[in-house]
Each structure stands twice: as structure tokens, then as C-alpha cells.
Amino acid sequence: MALNPKILANKPIGYRLSVLWLGVCAVFSIFGELFPLPAWDYSNPDVLGVGMFSPGHIFGTDYIGVDQLSAIIHGTRYSLGIAFVTVFFGMVIGGFLGILAAYRRGWVDAVISMYFNTTLSIPTLIMVVTMVAIFASPDPFNPSTTIPRVFVVIIAITFVLIPVLGRLARSSALSWTGREFVLVAKSMGMKPRSILWQHIVPNVLPAMLSVGFLAAGVVIIVEGGLALLGAGAEPGASWGSLLARNRGDISLIPHTTFIPVFFISITVMVLNYFGDYFRNQIDGRESRI
């Protein structure tokens, strides 16, 4: 279904610019391979470290002759893919556990809350780096013998997000389970599964979606940090790993560092804006209930 331009016109300018930026990122992710550009990992020895707006290389190249526009477009798919996949599974698994704990209470709540608290007590960075070191390929250029590094990064970050989003779902579900319409549904003999799907989940989901945007921005930064530590995606595959590969050349060809930093920064700002925007919408909605 096409987006109604009248609806978009009534939104704040920040909302429209954010939608435009995510739209560009979506085009890069979906149709990037159709652009007439060199492969993201193709090294051209004839154009080593050329500057921005050079003929045929609008973003220039790095020290091994890789076209930076092609690398950024390819990195969009990896960075946004890692962010949204981890947040999605974190919301599904964490949301299920959190809502279950809030609704069942008793020993179920105690066990799930203990799992959340135990996982959150472990330093996040140490946990993720350890999982990548154990399960990912020691050679990022030859992952055939072990699990590809990007999959391990996704699993590790998802494992970290589950208790964070689960605690949010539990807290939100607790506030809704005591509402009058839920108590009326229980008194009328409605089955617990029906109460969850018709009254609890629809009211918890908006809050999780707003936090999900914020979490996606955090994941992009975390993946970049992991890449700087040598535990991110394959070299040059994501924005973070592209930044990590070129960080040593900032004094000679600074554009290879500033370009991925720019894309990471703007995308995180946009995701934070959407998180705050939908949070304000939810606050207004709940005040009317």
C-alpha cells in the first residue's frame, strides 16, 4: 500500500527527513547490487586512495582501491540487517518471556526474572566478544570451517537484547494486567490466551516498538565497536567493519573514515528520533485510556 502524501505532509519536518533517510537506506539495501558500481570488495590498483568526487568514484576509494560508495551501499544491508534482525528476535523472544512472566506471576515470574537479572549482570561487551571468539571463524576471510562471523554477531547481540526488551515487556504488561477491561475479561470467563492476544499484547507492543527503534541504533553502534575490536562482521562488510578497516588511514585519506562515521551517525539519530516520536505518541494514547 502506497504512503499517503497528505499524511506525510502533516508530520513534522524531522519525521519527513527521517522517513526520507530510511527510504534511501532501504533502496541501498534492496537494490544496491543493481547500481552500476564496482563490487564492494573489488580492489582496483589504478585508483588507490583517490579523493571524493573523483571521476567514477563519487566517495573516492580506500588504500586498496575499493570504491567507497559501493562499500557504503553494501554496508547498509549488513548494518541495518544486523540491527533489525537482532531487535526483531529480541522483541519476539524477550516480549514473550516478559509478558508470560507478568501474566502468570508466581514461580514462572521468579524464574524468568532471575534469567533476565543474571544475563544483565554479565558485561555486554565481554559476553559478545567471547561468543564471537568461540563460535566464529578465526579467519574472517575464510569462514568455511565455522559459523560465519555475521551470524555469530547476530546471535550474540540478540542474546543480550532479550533480557533488556523482556524486562520492558514485563513492566509494561504488569501495568496493563490490572486495568479494568482486563479484570472484566477475566470475570467474564475469557480464556487466558485470548486475554493475552486481545488485551495485553496489543497494548505492550507499541511501547516495545518505540524502544525497538532506540535499540536498533544502539546495535549499529555496538557492531561498530565490535568491529574496532576485531569481533564484528567480515572486514568491509558493514559500516562498522568498513570504519575499522580504514581507521588507520585517517591522516592520509580521511574520507574513508568520515564517510562510514557519517552514515552511522545520521542513521542512529534517525532511529532515535523515531523512538522518541513514537514514545510521545504512546504517552498521549495511554493518557486517554
Protein backbone atom coordinates (compact mmCIF):
# COMPACT_ATOMS: atom_id res chain seq x y z
CA MET A 1 0.00 0.00 0.00
CA ALA A 2 1.45 3.34 -1.05
CA LEU A 3 2.17 6.00 1.55
CA ASN A 4 -0.44 8.76 1.51
CA PRO A 5 1.46 12.03 0.82
CA LYS A 6 -1.17 14.02 2.74
CA ILE A 7 -0.45 12.02 5.89
CA LEU A 8 3.28 12.60 5.48
CA ALA A 9 2.74 16.30 4.82
CA ASN A 10 1.09 16.70 8.23
CA LYS A 11 4.11 15.25 10.03
CA PRO A 12 6.96 17.34 11.49
CA ILE A 13 9.89 18.14 9.25
CA GLY A 14 12.11 15.83 11.32
CA TYR A 15 9.73 12.95 10.69
CA ARG A 16 9.75 13.56 6.94
CA LEU A 17 13.53 13.82 6.77
CA SER A 18 13.86 10.65 8.84
CA VAL A 19 11.50 8.76 6.53
CA LEU A 20 13.49 10.04 3.54
CA TRP A 21 16.78 8.84 5.03
CA LEU A 22 15.45 5.39 5.89
CA GLY A 23 13.93 5.23 2.41
CA VAL A 24 17.35 5.86 0.88
CA CYS A 25 18.86 3.19 3.12
CA ALA A 26 16.11 0.77 2.10
CA VAL A 27 16.86 1.40 -1.58
CA PHE A 28 20.56 0.79 -0.93
CA SER A 29 19.79 -2.45 0.89
CA ILE A 30 17.31 -3.85 -1.63
CA PHE A 31 18.54 -2.55 -4.97
CA GLY A 32 22.19 -1.82 -4.22
CA GLU A 33 23.50 -4.66 -6.36
CA LEU A 34 21.72 -3.22 -9.40
CA PHE A 35 23.70 0.02 -9.31
CA PRO A 36 26.44 0.32 -11.98
CA LEU A 37 29.27 0.24 -9.44
CA PRO A 38 32.30 -1.97 -8.86
CA ALA A 39 31.90 -4.83 -6.40
CA TRP A 40 32.17 -3.73 -2.78
CA ASP A 41 35.27 -5.88 -2.28
CA TYR A 42 36.94 -5.27 -5.67
CA SER A 43 40.41 -3.71 -5.33
CA ASN A 44 41.43 -1.54 -8.26
CA PRO A 45 45.22 -0.91 -8.16
CA ASP A 46 44.84 2.01 -10.60
CA VAL A 47 42.85 4.15 -8.14
CA LEU A 48 44.43 3.73 -4.73
CA GLY A 49 43.19 6.24 -2.17
CA VAL A 50 41.64 8.76 -4.58
CA GLY A 51 39.59 11.56 -3.00
CA MET A 52 35.88 12.21 -3.03
CA PHE A 53 34.17 13.33 -6.25
CA SER A 54 36.88 11.73 -8.35
CA PRO A 55 35.81 10.58 -11.84
CA GLY A 56 33.86 7.35 -11.43
CA HIS A 57 34.25 7.38 -7.63
CA ILE A 58 31.96 9.93 -6.01
CA PHE A 59 33.01 8.85 -2.49
CA GLY A 60 36.57 8.10 -3.51
CA THR A 61 38.43 4.86 -2.80
CA ASP A 62 40.40 3.46 0.12
CA TYR A 63 44.05 2.47 0.33
CA ILE A 64 43.47 -0.78 -1.58
CA GLY A 65 41.34 0.80 -4.30
CA VAL A 66 37.86 -0.24 -3.10
CA ASP A 67 35.10 2.11 -4.24
CA GLN A 68 33.66 3.67 -1.09
CA LEU A 69 30.18 4.31 -2.46
CA SER A 70 29.87 0.62 -3.32
CA ALA A 71 31.22 -0.31 0.12
CA ILE A 72 28.75 2.01 1.87
CA ILE A 73 25.80 0.64 -0.10
CA HIS A 74 26.80 -2.92 0.72
CA GLY A 75 27.42 -1.95 4.34
CA THR A 76 23.89 -0.55 4.59
CA ARG A 77 22.47 -4.01 4.05
CA TYR A 78 24.70 -5.54 6.71
CA SER A 79 24.42 -2.80 9.35
CA LEU A 80 20.66 -2.34 9.08
CA GLY A 81 20.16 -6.07 8.63
CA ILE A 82 22.06 -6.87 11.82
CA ALA A 83 20.22 -4.11 13.70
CA PHE A 84 16.69 -5.00 12.67
CA VAL A 85 17.13 -8.78 12.79
CA THR A 86 18.55 -8.71 16.32
CA VAL A 87 15.89 -6.29 17.54
CA PHE A 88 13.12 -8.35 15.93
CA PHE A 89 14.18 -11.60 17.57
CA GLY A 90 14.94 -9.80 20.82
CA MET A 91 11.42 -8.37 20.82
CA VAL A 92 9.77 -11.68 19.94
CA ILE A 93 11.64 -13.81 22.47
CA GLY A 94 12.03 -11.19 25.17
CA GLY A 95 8.48 -9.96 24.72
CA PHE A 96 7.08 -13.46 25.03
CA LEU A 97 9.05 -14.17 28.20
CA GLY A 98 8.26 -10.79 29.73
CA ILE A 99 4.53 -10.96 29.07
CA LEU A 100 4.41 -14.57 30.27
CA ALA A 101 6.18 -13.60 33.50
CA ALA A 102 3.84 -10.67 34.12
CA TYR A 103 0.68 -12.64 33.44
CA ARG A 104 1.48 -15.92 35.20
CA ARG A 105 3.35 -14.41 38.16
CA GLY A 106 4.49 -16.86 40.86
CA TRP A 107 7.39 -19.21 40.14
CA VAL A 108 7.22 -18.51 36.38
CA ASP A 109 7.87 -14.82 37.03
CA ALA A 110 10.63 -15.67 39.51
CA VAL A 111 12.49 -17.96 37.11
CA ILE A 112 12.24 -15.62 34.12
CA SER A 113 13.20 -12.58 36.18
CA MET A 114 16.22 -14.47 37.53
CA TYR A 115 17.28 -15.26 33.97
CA PHE A 116 16.91 -11.60 32.98
CA ASN A 117 18.86 -10.35 36.00
CA THR A 118 21.61 -12.94 35.62
CA THR A 119 22.13 -12.16 31.95
CA LEU A 120 22.13 -8.41 32.55
CA SER A 121 24.76 -8.80 35.28
CA ILE A 122 27.32 -10.02 32.71
CA PRO A 123 29.19 -7.19 30.93
CA THR A 124 27.65 -6.97 27.48
CA LEU A 125 30.83 -6.36 25.53
CA ILE A 126 32.68 -9.23 27.19
CA MET A 127 29.77 -11.59 26.51
CA VAL A 128 29.51 -10.72 22.83
CA VAL A 129 33.25 -10.75 22.20
CA THR A 130 33.55 -14.13 23.94
CA MET A 131 30.76 -15.65 21.83
CA VAL A 132 32.30 -14.35 18.63
CA ALA A 133 35.75 -15.63 19.64
CA ILE A 134 34.41 -19.10 20.47
CA PHE A 135 31.96 -19.71 17.64
CA ALA A 136 33.06 -17.50 14.75
CA SER A 137 35.76 -18.24 12.25
CA PRO A 138 39.23 -17.12 13.38
CA ASP A 139 39.90 -16.11 9.80
CA PRO A 140 37.17 -13.67 8.64
CA PHE A 141 38.22 -14.19 5.02
CA ASN A 142 37.75 -17.96 5.23
CA PRO A 143 34.66 -18.77 7.30
CA SER A 144 34.03 -22.14 5.66
CA THR A 145 35.18 -24.19 8.66
CA THR A 146 32.98 -22.46 11.28
CA ILE A 147 29.86 -20.35 11.56
CA PRO A 148 30.09 -17.13 9.50
CA ARG A 149 31.01 -14.28 11.79
CA VAL A 150 27.97 -12.13 10.96
CA PHE A 151 25.62 -14.90 12.16
CA VAL A 152 27.50 -15.19 15.45
CA VAL A 153 27.32 -11.41 15.89
CA ILE A 154 23.55 -11.53 15.32
CA ILE A 155 23.07 -14.38 17.80
CA ALA A 156 25.29 -12.74 20.42
CA ILE A 157 23.60 -9.33 20.24
CA THR A 158 20.15 -10.94 20.23
CA PHE A 159 21.08 -12.86 23.38
CA VAL A 160 21.97 -9.53 25.01
CA LEU A 161 18.78 -7.79 23.84
CA ILE A 162 16.38 -10.50 25.09
CA PRO A 163 16.58 -9.57 28.81
CA VAL A 164 16.57 -5.84 28.06
CA LEU A 165 13.42 -5.97 25.95
CA GLY A 166 11.98 -8.72 28.14
CA ARG A 167 12.14 -6.55 31.26
CA LEU A 168 10.43 -3.76 29.33
CA ALA A 169 7.67 -6.12 28.19
CA ARG A 170 7.22 -7.45 31.72
CA SER A 171 6.98 -3.95 33.20
CA SER A 172 4.52 -2.79 30.56
CA ALA A 173 2.43 -5.96 30.84
CA LEU A 174 2.22 -5.60 34.62
CA SER A 175 0.73 -2.13 34.20
CA TRP A 176 -1.92 -3.48 31.81
CA THR A 177 -2.90 -6.68 33.62
CA GLY A 178 -4.50 -4.64 36.40
CA ARG A 179 -6.61 -2.46 34.10
CA GLU A 180 -10.38 -2.63 34.38
CA PHE A 181 -11.02 -4.10 30.94
CA VAL A 182 -8.61 -6.97 31.67
CA LEU A 183 -10.28 -7.70 35.01
CA VAL A 184 -13.69 -7.61 33.34
CA ALA A 185 -12.48 -10.05 30.68
CA LYS A 186 -11.26 -12.43 33.39
CA SER A 187 -14.54 -12.17 35.30
CA MET A 188 -16.47 -13.00 32.13
CA GLY A 189 -14.54 -16.25 31.77
CA MET A 190 -12.36 -15.28 28.80
CA LYS A 191 -9.52 -17.72 28.28
CA PRO A 192 -6.03 -16.53 29.32
CA ARG A 193 -4.71 -16.94 25.77
CA SER A 194 -7.49 -14.73 24.42
CA ILE A 195 -6.85 -12.10 27.09
CA LEU A 196 -3.16 -12.03 26.20
CA TRP A 197 -3.68 -11.70 22.45
CA GLN A 198 -6.65 -9.31 22.57
CA HIS A 199 -5.81 -7.07 25.53
CA ILE A 200 -2.22 -7.42 26.72
CA VAL A 201 -0.08 -7.88 23.60
CA PRO A 202 -1.69 -5.04 21.55
CA ASN A 203 -1.02 -2.61 24.41
CA VAL A 204 2.52 -3.79 25.15
CA LEU A 205 3.63 -3.90 21.52
CA PRO A 206 3.64 -0.11 20.86
CA ALA A 207 5.97 0.52 23.81
CA MET A 208 8.30 -2.23 22.60
CA LEU A 209 8.30 -0.82 19.07
CA SER A 210 9.33 2.62 20.30
CA VAL A 211 12.19 1.13 22.32
CA GLY A 212 13.00 -1.15 19.39
CA PHE A 213 13.98 1.87 17.27
CA LEU A 214 16.30 3.06 20.02
CA ALA A 215 17.72 -0.45 20.38
CA ALA A 216 18.39 -0.67 16.63
CA GLY A 217 20.51 2.46 16.84
CA VAL A 218 22.42 1.02 19.79
CA VAL A 219 23.03 -2.22 17.87
CA ILE A 220 24.59 -0.32 14.96
CA ILE A 221 26.99 1.38 17.38
CA VAL A 222 27.72 -1.89 19.20
CA GLU A 223 28.51 -3.68 15.93
CA GLY A 224 30.85 -0.83 15.03
CA GLY A 225 32.57 -1.16 18.39
CA LEU A 226 32.90 -4.91 17.93
CA ALA A 227 34.43 -4.32 14.52
CA LEU A 228 37.02 -1.98 16.02
CA LEU A 229 37.90 -4.81 18.42
CA GLY A 230 38.15 -7.27 15.55
CA ALA A 231 34.95 -9.10 16.51
CA GLY A 232 32.45 -7.55 14.12
CA ALA A 233 31.26 -8.62 10.68
CA GLU A 234 33.67 -9.58 7.92
CA PRO A 235 36.14 -6.74 7.11
CA GLY A 236 34.46 -4.07 5.00
CA ALA A 237 31.07 -5.81 5.03
CA SER A 238 29.27 -3.40 7.38
CA TRP A 239 29.64 0.28 8.18
CA GLY A 240 31.41 -0.60 11.41
CA SER A 241 33.82 -3.06 9.84
CA LEU A 242 34.45 -0.59 7.00
CA LEU A 243 35.36 2.02 9.61
CA ALA A 244 37.59 -0.47 11.41
CA ARG A 245 39.43 -1.39 8.23
CA ASN A 246 40.19 2.21 7.29
CA ARG A 247 40.72 3.82 10.70
CA GLY A 248 44.50 3.67 10.36
CA ASP A 249 44.42 5.85 7.25
CA ILE A 250 42.55 8.82 8.73
CA SER A 251 45.60 11.09 8.41
CA LEU A 252 46.22 10.18 4.75
CA ILE A 253 42.74 9.57 3.29
CA PRO A 254 40.32 10.82 5.96
CA HIS A 255 37.21 10.43 3.80
CA THR A 256 37.38 6.63 4.17
CA THR A 257 36.82 7.10 7.91
CA PHE A 258 34.44 10.07 7.88
CA ILE A 259 32.00 8.58 5.37
CA PRO A 260 31.05 5.47 7.43
CA VAL A 261 31.00 7.62 10.59
CA PHE A 262 28.57 9.99 8.85
CA PHE A 263 26.23 7.18 7.80
CA ILE A 264 26.34 5.57 11.25
CA SER A 265 25.69 8.89 12.99
CA ILE A 266 22.78 10.00 10.80
CA THR A 267 21.13 6.58 10.91
CA VAL A 268 21.39 6.37 14.70
CA MET A 269 19.96 9.89 15.00
CA VAL A 270 17.05 8.95 12.75
CA LEU A 271 16.30 5.77 14.70
CA ASN A 272 16.46 7.71 17.98
CA TYR A 273 14.09 10.30 16.55
CA PHE A 274 11.56 7.63 15.62
CA GLY A 275 11.89 6.06 19.06
CA ASP A 276 11.20 9.41 20.77
CA TYR A 277 8.41 10.26 18.33
CA PHE A 278 6.50 7.03 18.88
CA ARG A 279 7.15 7.23 22.62
CA ASN A 280 5.37 10.60 22.67
CA GLN A 281 2.53 9.15 20.64
CA ILE A 282 2.17 6.26 23.10
CA ASP A 283 2.20 8.60 26.11
CA GLY A 284 -0.63 10.60 24.57
CA ARG A 285 -2.55 7.44 23.77
CA GLU A 286 -2.20 5.97 27.26
CA SER A 287 -3.27 9.22 28.88
CA ARG A 288 -6.58 8.96 27.03
CA ILE A 289 -7.24 5.35 28.12
